[in-house]
PDB file of N, CA and C in Angstrom:
ATOM      1  N   ILE A   1     155.095  95.793 185.669  1.00  0.00           N
ATOM      2  CA  ILE A   1     154.981  97.171 186.056  1.00  0.00           C
ATOM      3  C   ILE A   1     155.186  97.440 187.251  1.00  0.00           C
ATOM      4  N   VAL A   2     156.207  98.072 187.819  1.00  0.00           N
ATOM      5  CA  VAL A   2     156.273  98.469 189.216  1.00  0.00           C
ATOM      6  C   VAL A   2     156.272  99.979 189.155  1.00  0.00           C
ATOM      7  N   ASP A   3     155.077 100.555 189.844  1.00  0.00           N
ATOM      8  CA  ASP A   3     155.092 101.744 190.045  1.00  0.00           C
ATOM      9  C   ASP A   3     154.007 102.063 191.266  1.00  0.00           C
ATOM     10  N   CYS A   4     153.777 103.381 191.273  1.00  0.00           N
ATOM     11  CA  CYS A   4     152.855 103.816 192.497  1.00  0.00           C
ATOM     12  C   CYS A   4     151.422 103.252 192.357  1.00  0.00           C
ATOM     13  N   LEU A   5     150.929 103.154 191.139  1.00  0.00           N
ATOM     14  CA  LEU A   5     149.626 102.566 191.089  1.00  0.00           C
ATOM     15  C   LEU A   5     149.433 101.075 191.346  1.00  0.00           C
ATOM     16  N   THR A   6     150.494 100.404 190.803  1.00  0.00           N
ATOM     17  CA  THR A   6     150.621  98.852 191.088  1.00  0.00           C
ATOM     18  C   THR A   6     150.687  98.682 192.508  1.00  0.00           C
ATOM     19  N   LEU A   7     151.407  99.502 193.208  1.00  0.00           N
ATOM     20  CA  LEU A   7     151.669  99.234 194.592  1.00  0.00           C
ATOM     21  C   LEU A   7     150.327  99.559 195.308  1.00  0.00           C
ATOM     22  N   ILE A   8     149.548 100.517 195.180  1.00  0.00           N
ATOM     23  CA  ILE A   8     148.123 100.710 195.520  1.00  0.00           C
ATOM     24  C   ILE A   8     147.371  99.419 195.259  1.00  0.00           C
ATOM     25  N   LEU A   9     147.330  99.128 194.000  1.00  0.00           N
ATOM     26  CA  LEU A   9     146.385  97.778 193.616  1.00  0.00           C
ATOM     27  C   LEU A   9     146.722  96.499 194.186  1.00  0.00           C
ATOM     28  N   ASP A  10     148.063  96.355 194.425  1.00  0.00           N
ATOM     29  CA  ASP A  10     148.509  95.184 195.295  1.00  0.00           C
ATOM     30  C   ASP A  10     148.120  95.255 196.690  1.00  0.00           C
ATOM     31  N   TYR A  11     148.406  96.472 197.268  1.00  0.00           N
ATOM     32  CA  TYR A  11     148.084  96.674 198.755  1.00  0.00           C
ATOM     33  C   TYR A  11     146.368  96.453 199.062  1.00  0.00           C
ATOM     34  N   TYR A  12     145.546  97.034 198.161  1.00  0.00           N
ATOM     35  CA  TYR A  12     144.347  96.926 198.394  1.00  0.00           C
ATOM     36  C   TYR A  12     143.756  95.549 198.252  1.00  0.00           C
ATOM     37  N   GLN A  13     144.240  94.732 197.406  1.00  0.00           N
ATOM     38  CA  GLN A  13     144.020  93.201 196.988  1.00  0.00           C
ATOM     39  C   GLN A  13     144.587  92.453 198.382  1.00  0.00           C
ATOM     40  N   GLN A  14     145.835  92.579 198.544  1.00  0.00           N
ATOM     41  CA  GLN A  14     146.362  91.832 199.644  1.00  0.00           C
ATOM     42  C   GLN A  14     145.860  92.175 201.177  1.00  0.00           C
ATOM     43  N   GLU A  15     145.669  93.398 201.451  1.00  0.00           N
ATOM     44  CA  GLU A  15     145.562  93.748 202.776  1.00  0.00           C
ATOM     45  C   GLU A  15     144.058  93.975 203.138  1.00  0.00           C
ATOM     46  N   LEU A  16     143.300  94.286 202.028  1.00  0.00           N
ATOM     47  CA  LEU A  16     141.889  94.415 202.308  1.00  0.00           C
ATOM     48  C   LEU A  16     140.828  93.716 201.409  1.00  0.00           C
ATOM     49  N   ASN A  17     141.613  92.786 200.653  1.00  0.00           N
ATOM     50  CA  ASN A  17     140.640  92.096 199.777  1.00  0.00           C
ATOM     51  C   ASN A  17     139.531  92.722 198.850  1.00  0.00           C
ATOM     52  N   ILE A  18     140.303  93.884 198.496  1.00  0.00           N
ATOM     53  CA  ILE A  18     139.434  94.691 197.354  1.00  0.00           C
ATOM     54  C   ILE A  18     140.277  94.827 196.153  1.00  0.00           C
ATOM     55  N   THR A  19     139.601  94.307 195.087  1.00  0.00           N
ATOM     56  CA  THR A  19     140.211  94.424 193.817  1.00  0.00           C
ATOM     57  C   THR A  19     139.839  95.697 193.039  1.00  0.00           C
ATOM     58  N   ILE A  20     140.877  96.343 192.623  1.00  0.00           N
ATOM     59  CA  ILE A  20     140.844  97.694 191.737  1.00  0.00           C
ATOM     60  C   ILE A  20     141.267  97.286 190.286  1.00  0.00           C
ATOM     61  N   PRO A  21     140.506  97.567 189.364  1.00  0.00           N
ATOM     62  CA  PRO A  21     141.012  97.411 188.126  1.00  0.00           C
ATOM     63  C   PRO A  21     142.288  98.265 187.875  1.00  0.00           C
ATOM     64  N   ASN A  22     143.041  97.627 186.786  1.00  0.00           N
ATOM     65  CA  ASN A  22     144.469  98.376 186.590  1.00  0.00           C
ATOM     66  C   ASN A  22     144.015  99.527 185.679  1.00  0.00           C
ATOM     67  N   LEU A  23     144.819 100.497 185.454  1.00  0.00           N
ATOM     68  CA  LEU A  23     144.744 101.718 184.657  1.00  0.00           C
ATOM     69  C   LEU A  23     145.466 101.650 183.531  1.00  0.00           C
ATOM     70  N   ASP A  24     144.912 101.377 182.146  1.00  0.00           N
ATOM     71  CA  ASP A  24     145.517 101.451 181.217  1.00  0.00           C
ATOM     72  C   ASP A  24     145.795 102.758 180.509  1.00  0.00           C
ATOM     73  N   HIS A  25     146.926 103.488 180.779  1.00  0.00           N
ATOM     74  CA  HIS A  25     147.090 104.836 180.534  1.00  0.00           C
ATOM     75  C   HIS A  25     148.451 105.029 179.833  1.00  0.00           C
ATOM     76  N   PRO A  26     148.591 105.392 178.587  1.00  0.00           N
ATOM     77  CA  PRO A  26     149.797 105.400 177.753  1.00  0.00           C
ATOM     78  C   PRO A  26     150.730 106.330 178.519  1.00  0.00           C
ATOM     79  N   TYR A  27     150.476 107.379 179.246  1.00  0.00           N
ATOM     80  CA  TYR A  27     151.436 108.087 179.763  1.00  0.00           C
ATOM     81  C   TYR A  27     151.741 107.893 181.333  1.00  0.00           C
ATOM     82  N   ARG A  28     151.577 106.760 181.796  1.00  0.00           N
ATOM     83  CA  ARG A  28     151.686 106.328 183.063  1.00  0.00           C
ATOM     84  C   ARG A  28     153.148 106.286 183.530  1.00  0.00           C
ATOM     85  N   LEU A  29     153.984 105.896 182.644  1.00  0.00           N
ATOM     86  CA  LEU A  29     155.463 105.907 183.108  1.00  0.00           C
ATOM     87  C   LEU A  29     156.352 106.847 182.311  1.00  0.00           C
ATOM     88  N   ILE A  30     155.823 107.803 181.901  1.00  0.00           N
ATOM     89  CA  ILE A  30     156.703 108.810 181.030  1.00  0.00           C
ATOM     90  C   ILE A  30     157.755 109.368 181.804  1.00  0.00           C
ATOM     91  N   ASP A  31     158.942 109.500 181.209  1.00  0.00           N
ATOM     92  CA  ASP A  31     159.826 110.455 181.744  1.00  0.00           C
ATOM     93  C   ASP A  31     159.805 111.698 182.152  1.00  0.00           C
ATOM     94  N   ASP A  32     159.385 112.366 181.015  1.00  0.00           N
ATOM     95  CA  ASP A  32     159.180 113.861 181.001  1.00  0.00           C
ATOM     96  C   ASP A  32     157.894 114.153 181.582  1.00  0.00           C
ATOM     97  N   LYS A  33     157.849 114.491 182.560  1.00  0.00           N
ATOM     98  CA  LYS A  33     156.505 114.776 183.427  1.00  0.00           C
ATOM     99  C   LYS A  33     156.048 115.998 182.997  1.00  0.00           C
ATOM    100  N   SER A  34     156.814 116.859 182.595  1.00  0.00           N
ATOM    101  CA  SER A  34     156.512 118.426 182.141  1.00  0.00           C
ATOM    102  C   SER A  34     155.502 118.297 181.029  1.00  0.00           C
ATOM    103  N   THR A  35     155.512 117.283 180.083  1.00  0.00           N
ATOM    104  CA  THR A  35     154.766 117.170 178.929  1.00  0.00           C
ATOM    105  C   THR A  35     153.479 116.438 179.161  1.00  0.00           C
ATOM    106  N   HIS A  36     153.285 115.988 180.357  1.00  0.00           N
ATOM    107  CA  HIS A  36     152.198 114.584 180.640  1.00  0.00           C
ATOM    108  C   HIS A  36     150.794 115.528 180.257  1.00  0.00           C
ATOM    109  N   PRO A  37     150.067 114.695 179.523  1.00  0.00           N
ATOM    110  CA  PRO A  37     148.891 115.300 179.065  1.00  0.00           C
ATOM    111  C   PRO A  37     147.752 115.640 180.172  1.00  0.00           C
ATOM    112  N   ASP A  38     147.954 115.198 181.375  1.00  0.00           N
ATOM    113  CA  ASP A  38     147.075 115.521 182.667  1.00  0.00           C
ATOM    114  C   ASP A  38     147.621 116.743 183.212  1.00  0.00           C
ATOM    115  N   ASN A  39     148.621 117.502 182.869  1.00  0.00           N
ATOM    116  CA  ASN A  39     149.130 118.727 183.332  1.00  0.00           C
ATOM    117  C   ASN A  39     147.860 119.847 183.524  1.00  0.00           C
ATOM    118  N   ASN A  40     147.393 119.901 184.526  1.00  0.00           N
ATOM    119  CA  ASN A  40     146.396 121.147 184.834  1.00  0.00           C
ATOM    120  C   ASN A  40     144.996 120.860 184.467  1.00  0.00           C
ATOM    121  N   GLN A  41     144.857 119.405 184.246  1.00  0.00           N
ATOM    122  CA  GLN A  41     143.360 118.989 184.018  1.00  0.00           C
ATOM    123  C   GLN A  41     142.456 119.033 185.177  1.00  0.00           C
ATOM    124  N   ILE A  42     141.332 119.544 185.390  1.00  0.00           N
ATOM    125  CA  ILE A  42     140.543 119.612 186.305  1.00  0.00           C
ATOM    126  C   ILE A  42     140.005 118.251 186.762  1.00  0.00           C
ATOM    127  N   ARG A  43     139.919 117.260 185.879  1.00  0.00           N
ATOM    128  CA  ARG A  43     139.749 115.699 186.388  1.00  0.00           C
ATOM    129  C   ARG A  43     140.546 114.886 185.664  1.00  0.00           C
ATOM    130  N   PRO A  44     141.805 114.964 186.230  1.00  0.00           N
ATOM    131  CA  PRO A  44     142.943 113.949 185.502  1.00  0.00           C
ATOM    132  C   PRO A  44     142.556 112.567 185.467  1.00  0.00           C
ATOM    133  N   VAL A  45     143.231 111.842 184.808  1.00  0.00           N
ATOM    134  CA  VAL A  45     142.868 110.066 184.466  1.00  0.00           C
ATOM    135  C   VAL A  45     143.147 109.491 185.956  1.00  0.00           C
ATOM    136  N   LEU A  46     144.190 109.902 186.640  1.00  0.00           N
ATOM    137  CA  LEU A  46     144.201 108.957 188.033  1.00  0.00           C
ATOM    138  C   LEU A  46     143.239 109.223 188.926  1.00  0.00           C
ATOM    139  N   THR A  47     142.834 110.374 189.001  1.00  0.00           N
ATOM    140  CA  THR A  47     141.491 110.871 189.909  1.00  0.00           C
ATOM    141  C   THR A  47     140.283 110.155 189.317  1.00  0.00           C
ATOM    142  N   GLU A  48     140.019 110.273 188.141  1.00  0.00           N
ATOM    143  CA  GLU A  48     138.818 109.661 187.530  1.00  0.00           C
ATOM    144  C   GLU A  48     138.801 108.009 187.825  1.00  0.00           C
ATOM    145  N   HIS A  49     140.003 107.575 187.536  1.00  0.00           N
ATOM    146  CA  HIS A  49     140.077 106.143 187.651  1.00  0.00           C
ATOM    147  C   HIS A  49     139.585 105.587 189.108  1.00  0.00           C
ATOM    148  N   PHE A  50     140.170 106.215 190.272  1.00  0.00           N
ATOM    149  CA  PHE A  50     139.663 106.044 191.595  1.00  0.00           C
ATOM    150  C   PHE A  50     138.099 106.411 191.771  1.00  0.00           C
ATOM    151  N   LEU A  51     137.612 107.526 191.220  1.00  0.00           N
ATOM    152  CA  LEU A  51     136.375 107.872 191.567  1.00  0.00           C
ATOM    153  C   LEU A  51     135.474 107.046 190.884  1.00  0.00           C
ATOM    154  N   ASN A  52     135.831 106.362 189.696  1.00  0.00           N
ATOM    155  CA  ASN A  52     135.093 105.490 189.118  1.00  0.00           C
ATOM    156  C   ASN A  52     135.156 103.928 189.656  1.00  0.00           C
ATOM    157  N   ASN A  53     135.894 103.886 190.408  1.00  0.00           N
ATOM    158  CA  ASN A  53     135.998 102.393 190.934  1.00  0.00           C
ATOM    159  C   ASN A  53     135.528 102.372 192.507  1.00  0.00           C
ATOM    160  N   ASN A  54     134.699 102.946 192.888  1.00  0.00           N
ATOM    161  CA  ASN A  54     134.089 103.017 194.257  1.00  0.00           C
ATOM    162  C   ASN A  54     134.837 103.761 195.336  1.00  0.00           C
ATOM    163  N   PHE A  55     135.615 104.753 195.041  1.00  0.00           N
ATOM    164  CA  PHE A  55     136.203 105.376 195.811  1.00  0.00           C
ATOM    165  C   PHE A  55     135.553 106.928 195.962  1.00  0.00           C
ATOM    166  N   ILE A  56     135.485 107.603 197.178  1.00  0.00           N
ATOM    167  CA  ILE A  56     135.012 108.993 197.359  1.00  0.00           C
ATOM    168  C   ILE A  56     135.955 109.820 198.064  1.00  0.00           C
ATOM    169  N   GLU A  57     135.835 111.084 197.689  1.00  0.00           N
ATOM    170  CA  GLU A  57     136.922 112.142 198.335  1.00  0.00           C
ATOM    171  C   GLU A  57     136.368 112.367 199.635  1.00  0.00           C
ATOM    172  N   THR A  58     137.344 112.698 200.461  1.00  0.00           N
ATOM    173  CA  THR A  58     137.057 112.899 201.801  1.00  0.00           C
ATOM    174  C   THR A  58     138.151 113.974 202.106  1.00  0.00           C
ATOM    175  N   ASN A  59     138.008 114.591 203.560  1.00  0.00           N
ATOM    176  CA  ASN A  59     138.936 115.315 204.007  1.00  0.00           C
ATOM    177  C   ASN A  59     139.572 114.530 205.162  1.00  0.00           C
ATOM    178  N   ALA A  60     138.956 113.463 205.529  1.00  0.00           N
ATOM    179  CA  ALA A  60     139.572 112.675 206.669  1.00  0.00           C
ATOM    180  C   ALA A  60     140.842 111.755 206.287  1.00  0.00           C
ATOM    181  N   LEU A  61     141.752 111.939 207.144  1.00  0.00           N
ATOM    182  CA  LEU A  61     143.091 111.330 206.871  1.00  0.00           C
ATOM    183  C   LEU A  61     143.098 110.039 207.695  1.00  0.00           C
ATOM    184  N   VAL A  62     142.524 108.939 207.116  1.00  0.00           N
ATOM    185  CA  VAL A  62     142.375 107.477 207.827  1.00  0.00           C
ATOM    186  C   VAL A  62     143.278 106.641 207.450  1.00  0.00           C
ATOM    187  N   LYS A  63     143.545 105.519 208.099  1.00  0.00           N
ATOM    188  CA  LYS A  63     144.333 104.400 207.385  1.00  0.00           C
ATOM    189  C   LYS A  63     143.596 103.883 206.241  1.00  0.00           C
ATOM    190  N   ASN A  64     144.342 103.423 205.251  1.00  0.00           N
ATOM    191  CA  ASN A  64     144.099 102.924 204.040  1.00  0.00           C
ATOM    192  C   ASN A  64     143.743 104.129 203.203  1.00  0.00           C
ATOM    193  N   ALA A  65     143.568 105.191 203.434  1.00  0.00           N
ATOM    194  CA  ALA A  65     143.055 106.286 202.444  1.00  0.00           C
ATOM    195  C   ALA A  65     144.140 106.264 201.260  1.00  0.00           C
ATOM    196  N   VAL A  66     143.680 106.461 200.031  1.00  0.00           N
ATOM    197  CA  VAL A  66     144.642 106.774 198.998  1.00  0.00           C
ATOM    198  C   VAL A  66     145.065 108.336 198.776  1.00  0.00           C
ATOM    199  N   LEU A  67     146.153 108.538 198.818  1.00  0.00           N
ATOM    200  CA  LEU A  67     146.746 109.947 198.528  1.00  0.00           C
ATOM    201  C   LEU A  67     147.013 110.152 197.320  1.00  0.00           C
ATOM    202  N   LEU A  68     146.373 111.216 196.634  1.00  0.00           N
ATOM    203  CA  LEU A  68     146.799 111.521 195.087  1.00  0.00           C
ATOM    204  C   LEU A  68     147.661 112.983 195.542  1.00  0.00           C
ATOM    205  N   MET A  69     148.830 112.924 194.623  1.00  0.00           N
ATOM    206  CA  MET A  69     149.672 113.863 194.738  1.00  0.00           C
ATOM    207  C   MET A  69     150.096 114.325 193.397  1.00  0.00           C
ATOM    208  N   LYS A  70     150.391 115.775 193.201  1.00  0.00           N
ATOM    209  CA  LYS A  70     151.020 116.538 192.194  1.00  0.00           C
ATOM    210  C   LYS A  70     152.426 116.144 192.391  1.00  0.00           C
ATOM    211  N   SER A  71     153.239 116.544 191.457  1.00  0.00           N
ATOM    212  CA  SER A  71     154.719 116.796 191.259  1.00  0.00           C
ATOM    213  C   SER A  71     155.011 118.160 191.211  1.00  0.00           C
ATOM    214  N   ALA A  72     156.355 118.428 191.275  1.00  0.00           N
ATOM    215  CA  ALA A  72     156.856 119.803 191.213  1.00  0.00           C
ATOM    216  C   ALA A  72     156.395 120.461 189.885  1.00  0.00           C
ATOM    217  N   ARG A  73     156.518 119.636 188.830  1.00  0.00           N
ATOM    218  CA  ARG A  73     155.967 120.333 187.507  1.00  0.00           C
ATOM    219  C   ARG A  73     154.664 120.051 187.113  1.00  0.00           C
ATOM    220  N   ILE A  74     153.929 119.261 187.685  1.00  0.00           N
ATOM    221  CA  ILE A  74     152.492 118.948 187.282  1.00  0.00           C
ATOM    222  C   ILE A  74     151.551 119.371 188.292  1.00  0.00           C
ATOM    223  N   LEU A  75     150.542 120.101 188.232  1.00  0.00           N
ATOM    224  CA  LEU A  75     149.672 120.562 189.075  1.00  0.00           C
ATOM    225  C   LEU A  75     148.571 119.377 189.429  1.00  0.00           C
ATOM    226  N   SER A  76     148.207 118.519 188.310  1.00  0.00           N
ATOM    227  CA  SER A  76     147.250 117.361 188.507  1.00  0.00           C
ATOM    228  C   SER A  76     148.033 116.270 189.205  1.00  0.00           C
ATOM    229  N   PRO A  77     147.269 115.334 189.760  1.00  0.00           N
ATOM    230  CA  PRO A  77     147.920 114.230 190.454  1.00  0.00           C
ATOM    231  C   PRO A  77     148.445 113.181 189.699  1.00  0.00           C
ATOM    232  N   VAL A  78     149.659 112.850 189.621  1.00  0.00           N
ATOM    233  CA  VAL A  78     150.281 111.767 189.011  1.00  0.00           C
ATOM    234  C   VAL A  78     151.036 110.836 189.905  1.00  0.00           C
ATOM    235  N   HIS A  79     150.944 110.961 190.977  1.00  0.00           N
ATOM    236  CA  HIS A  79     151.605 110.033 192.324  1.00  0.00           C
ATOM    237  C   HIS A  79     150.448 109.481 193.157  1.00  0.00           C
ATOM    238  N   CYS A  80     150.490 108.540 193.758  1.00  0.00           N
ATOM    239  CA  CYS A  80     149.714 108.053 194.550  1.00  0.00           C
ATOM    240  C   CYS A  80     150.219 107.259 195.882  1.00  0.00           C
ATOM    241  N   ALA A  81     149.734 107.141 196.890  1.00  0.00           N
ATOM    242  CA  ALA A  81     150.203 106.597 198.173  1.00  0.00           C
ATOM    243  C   ALA A  81     149.194 106.146 198.946  1.00  0.00           C
ATOM    244  N   ILE A  82     149.474 105.377 199.865  1.00  0.00           N
ATOM    245  CA  ILE A  82     148.611 104.799 200.948  1.00  0.00           C
ATOM    246  C   ILE A  82     148.815 105.332 202.317  1.00  0.00           C
ATOM    247  N   TYR A  83     148.096 105.955 202.989  1.00  0.00           N
ATOM    248  CA  TYR A  83     148.190 106.465 204.309  1.00  0.00           C
ATOM    249  C   TYR A  83     148.153 105.245 205.338  1.00  0.00           C
ATOM    250  N   LEU A  84     149.249 104.965 205.922  1.00  0.00           N
ATOM    251  CA  LEU A  84     149.182 103.820 207.046  1.00  0.00           C
ATOM    252  C   LEU A  84     148.745 104.270 208.412  1.00  0.00           C
ATOM    253  N   GLY A  85     148.711 105.521 208.561  1.00  0.00           N
ATOM    254  CA  GLY A  85     148.420 105.850 209.994  1.00  0.00           C
ATOM    255  C   GLY A  85     149.628 106.456 210.681  1.00  0.00           C
ATOM    256  N   GLY A  86     149.544 107.007 211.847  1.00  0.00           N
ATOM    257  CA  GLY A  86     150.822 107.416 212.411  1.00  0.00           C
ATOM    258  C   GLY A  86     151.525 108.438 211.535  1.00  0.00           C
ATOM    259  N   GLU A  87     150.847 109.287 210.706  1.00  0.00           N
ATOM    260  CA  GLU A  87     151.892 110.157 209.773  1.00  0.00           C
ATOM    261  C   GLU A  87     152.736 109.264 208.981  1.00  0.00           C
ATOM    262  N   GLN A  88     152.604 108.125 208.512  1.00  0.00           N
ATOM    263  CA  GLN A  88     153.374 107.120 207.618  1.00  0.00           C
ATOM    264  C   GLN A  88     152.299 106.907 206.266  1.00  0.00           C
ATOM    265  N   ILE A  89     153.415 106.892 205.306  1.00  0.00           N
ATOM    266  CA  ILE A  89     152.669 106.490 203.832  1.00  0.00           C
ATOM    267  C   ILE A  89     153.571 105.448 203.253  1.00  0.00           C
ATOM    268  N   LEU A  90     152.900 104.607 202.588  1.00  0.00           N
ATOM    269  CA  LEU A  90     153.355 103.698 201.648  1.00  0.00           C
ATOM    270  C   LEU A  90     153.478 104.199 200.131  1.00  0.00           C
ATOM    271  N   HIS A  91     154.441 104.320 199.529  1.00  0.00           N
ATOM    272  CA  HIS A  91     154.375 104.479 198.084  1.00  0.00           C
ATOM    273  C   HIS A  91     155.628 104.073 197.450  1.00  0.00           C
ATOM    274  N   HIS A  92     155.519 104.381 195.900  1.00  0.00           N
ATOM    275  CA  HIS A  92     156.495 103.838 195.266  1.00  0.00           C
ATOM    276  C   HIS A  92     157.172 105.045 194.504  1.00  0.00           C
ATOM    277  N   PRO A  93     158.126 105.758 194.877  1.00  0.00           N
ATOM    278  CA  PRO A  93     158.631 106.886 194.080  1.00  0.00           C
ATOM    279  C   PRO A  93     159.291 106.397 192.841  1.00  0.00           C
ATOM    280  N   TYR A  94     159.051 107.443 191.951  1.00  0.00           N
ATOM    281  CA  TYR A  94     159.565 107.191 190.647  1.00  0.00           C
ATOM    282  C   TYR A  94     161.069 106.843 190.590  1.00  0.00           C
ATOM    283  N   LYS A  95     161.295 105.707 189.928  1.00  0.00           N
ATOM    284  CA  LYS A  95     162.697 105.006 189.572  1.00  0.00           C
ATOM    285  C   LYS A  95     163.374 104.504 191.106  1.00  0.00           C
ATOM    286  N   ARG A  96     162.565 104.320 191.942  1.00  0.00           N
ATOM    287  CA  ARG A  96     163.246 103.908 193.278  1.00  0.00           C
ATOM    288  C   ARG A  96     162.349 102.831 193.773  1.00  0.00           C
ATOM    289  N   LYS A  97     162.577 102.037 194.902  1.00  0.00           N
ATOM    290  CA  LYS A  97     161.949 101.014 195.472  1.00  0.00           C
ATOM    291  C   LYS A  97     160.856 101.508 196.288  1.00  0.00           C
ATOM    292  N   SER A  98     159.814 100.740 196.563  1.00  0.00           N
ATOM    293  CA  SER A  98     158.573 101.153 197.217  1.00  0.00           C
ATOM    294  C   SER A  98     159.120 101.386 198.855  1.00  0.00           C
ATOM    295  N   THR A  99     158.565 102.177 199.483  1.00  0.00           N
ATOM    296  CA  THR A  99     159.071 102.845 200.997  1.00  0.00           C
ATOM    297  C   THR A  99     157.841 103.253 201.584  1.00  0.00           C
ATOM    298  N   ILE A 100     158.318 103.223 202.981  1.00  0.00           N
ATOM    299  CA  ILE A 100     157.410 103.806 204.117  1.00  0.00           C
ATOM    300  C   ILE A 100     158.093 104.917 204.511  1.00  0.00           C
ATOM    301  N   GLU A 101     157.341 106.080 204.422  1.00  0.00           N
ATOM    302  CA  GLU A 101     158.083 107.458 204.725  1.00  0.00           C
ATOM    303  C   GLU A 101     157.183 108.231 205.613  1.00  0.00           C
ATOM    304  N   HIS A 102     157.703 109.330 206.354  1.00  0.00           N
ATOM    305  CA  HIS A 102     156.970 109.973 207.075  1.00  0.00           C
ATOM    306  C   HIS A 102     156.178 110.994 206.181  1.00  0.00           C
ATOM    307  N   TYR A 103     154.735 111.085 206.676  1.00  0.00           N
ATOM    308  CA  TYR A 103     153.927 112.105 205.794  1.00  0.00           C
ATOM    309  C   TYR A 103     154.217 113.338 206.195  1.00  0.00           C
ATOM    310  N   GLY A 104     155.172 114.042 205.764  1.00  0.00           N
ATOM    311  CA  GLY A 104     155.609 115.416 206.215  1.00  0.00           C
ATOM    312  C   GLY A 104     155.089 116.364 205.229  1.00  0.00           C
ATOM    313  N   ILE A 105     155.503 117.753 205.507  1.00  0.00           N
ATOM    314  CA  ILE A 105     154.911 118.804 204.912  1.00  0.00           C
ATOM    315  C   ILE A 105     155.107 118.825 203.288  1.00  0.00           C
ATOM    316  N   SER A 106     156.239 118.273 203.199  1.00  0.00           N
ATOM    317  CA  SER A 106     156.585 118.302 201.506  1.00  0.00           C
ATOM    318  C   SER A 106     155.468 117.327 200.851  1.00  0.00           C
ATOM    319  N   TRP A 107     155.194 116.077 201.430  1.00  0.00           N
ATOM    320  CA  TRP A 107     154.101 115.443 200.947  1.00  0.00           C
ATOM    321  C   TRP A 107     152.785 115.846 201.126  1.00  0.00           C
ATOM    322  N   LYS A 108     152.396 116.429 202.114  1.00  0.00           N
ATOM    323  CA  LYS A 108     151.160 117.184 202.322  1.00  0.00           C
ATOM    324  C   LYS A 108     150.914 118.434 201.478  1.00  0.00           C
ATOM    325  N   SER A 109     151.939 119.075 201.201  1.00  0.00           N
ATOM    326  CA  SER A 109     151.769 120.111 200.286  1.00  0.00           C
ATOM    327  C   SER A 109     151.513 119.642 198.755  1.00  0.00           C
ATOM    328  N   ARG A 110     151.853 118.616 198.540  1.00  0.00           N
ATOM    329  CA  ARG A 110     151.594 117.996 197.139  1.00  0.00           C
ATOM    330  C   ARG A 110     150.286 117.170 197.156  1.00  0.00           C
ATOM    331  N   THR A 111     149.704 116.810 198.172  1.00  0.00           N
ATOM    332  CA  THR A 111     148.523 116.152 198.149  1.00  0.00           C
ATOM    333  C   THR A 111     147.392 116.986 197.633  1.00  0.00           C
ATOM    334  N   THR A 112     146.631 116.319 196.643  1.00  0.00           N
ATOM    335  CA  THR A 112     145.668 117.080 196.001  1.00  0.00           C
ATOM    336  C   THR A 112     144.197 116.415 196.312  1.00  0.00           C
ATOM    337  N   ASN A 113     144.109 115.121 196.771  1.00  0.00           N
ATOM    338  CA  ASN A 113     142.876 114.471 196.962  1.00  0.00           C
ATOM    339  C   ASN A 113     143.255 113.318 198.173  1.00  0.00           C
ATOM    340  N   ILE A 114     142.342 113.085 198.986  1.00  0.00           N
ATOM    341  CA  ILE A 114     142.372 112.163 199.783  1.00  0.00           C
ATOM    342  C   ILE A 114     141.089 111.329 199.551  1.00  0.00           C
ATOM    343  N   LEU A 115     141.095 110.073 199.287  1.00  0.00           N
ATOM    344  CA  LEU A 115     140.196 109.051 198.793  1.00  0.00           C
ATOM    345  C   LEU A 115     140.067 107.908 199.716  1.00  0.00           C
ATOM    346  N   ILE A 116     138.778 107.588 199.916  1.00  0.00           N
ATOM    347  CA  ILE A 116     138.556 106.094 200.606  1.00  0.00           C
ATOM    348  C   ILE A 116     137.540 105.288 199.959  1.00  0.00           C
ATOM    349  N   HIS A 117     137.830 104.070 200.005  1.00  0.00           N
ATOM    350  CA  HIS A 117     136.952 103.028 199.369  1.00  0.00           C
ATOM    351  C   HIS A 117     135.700 103.058 200.042  1.00  0.00           C
ATOM    352  N   LYS A 118     134.633 102.965 199.307  1.00  0.00           N
ATOM    353  CA  LYS A 118     133.141 102.936 199.947  1.00  0.00           C
ATOM    354  C   LYS A 118     132.932 101.713 201.055  1.00  0.00           C
ATOM    355  N   SER A 119     133.606 100.813 200.809  1.00  0.00           N
ATOM    356  CA  SER A 119     133.540  99.809 201.615  1.00  0.00           C
ATOM    357  C   SER A 119     134.237 100.076 202.936  1.00  0.00           C
ATOM    358  N   GLN A 120     135.051 101.054 203.180  1.00  0.00           N
ATOM    359  CA  GLN A 120     135.755 101.338 204.215  1.00  0.00           C
ATOM    360  C   GLN A 120     135.097 102.457 205.202  1.00  0.00           C
ATOM    361  N   ILE A 121     133.924 102.786 204.699  1.00  0.00           N
ATOM    362  CA  ILE A 121     133.159 103.882 205.400  1.00  0.00           C
ATOM    363  C   ILE A 121     132.521 103.201 206.649  1.00  0.00           C
TER     364      ILE A 121
END
């Protein structure tokens, strides 16, 4: 599986030596996001996964923070990225290759949560 969550798990393991368990979620890679069961949930699966694995929510945009993001049709976060600092994010867009992009207004407006691992405090 190559997706945004796998990229986060690999990054944390390789760069920070932090193991985050994989998320077994049947809707992780569905094509029709408008019918995603997490749509409009208060505590969607992706958010809960990070909170249950030693992450805490913050308002601080710091290097290595995990950014959870909604999509155009889903108000709950179904995408995640790593903040690299300098207004840059590392993420794996759906059906594209992993990339580093500017964390501009479009991504900022989609960000629902900023999470940091407790060991990074």
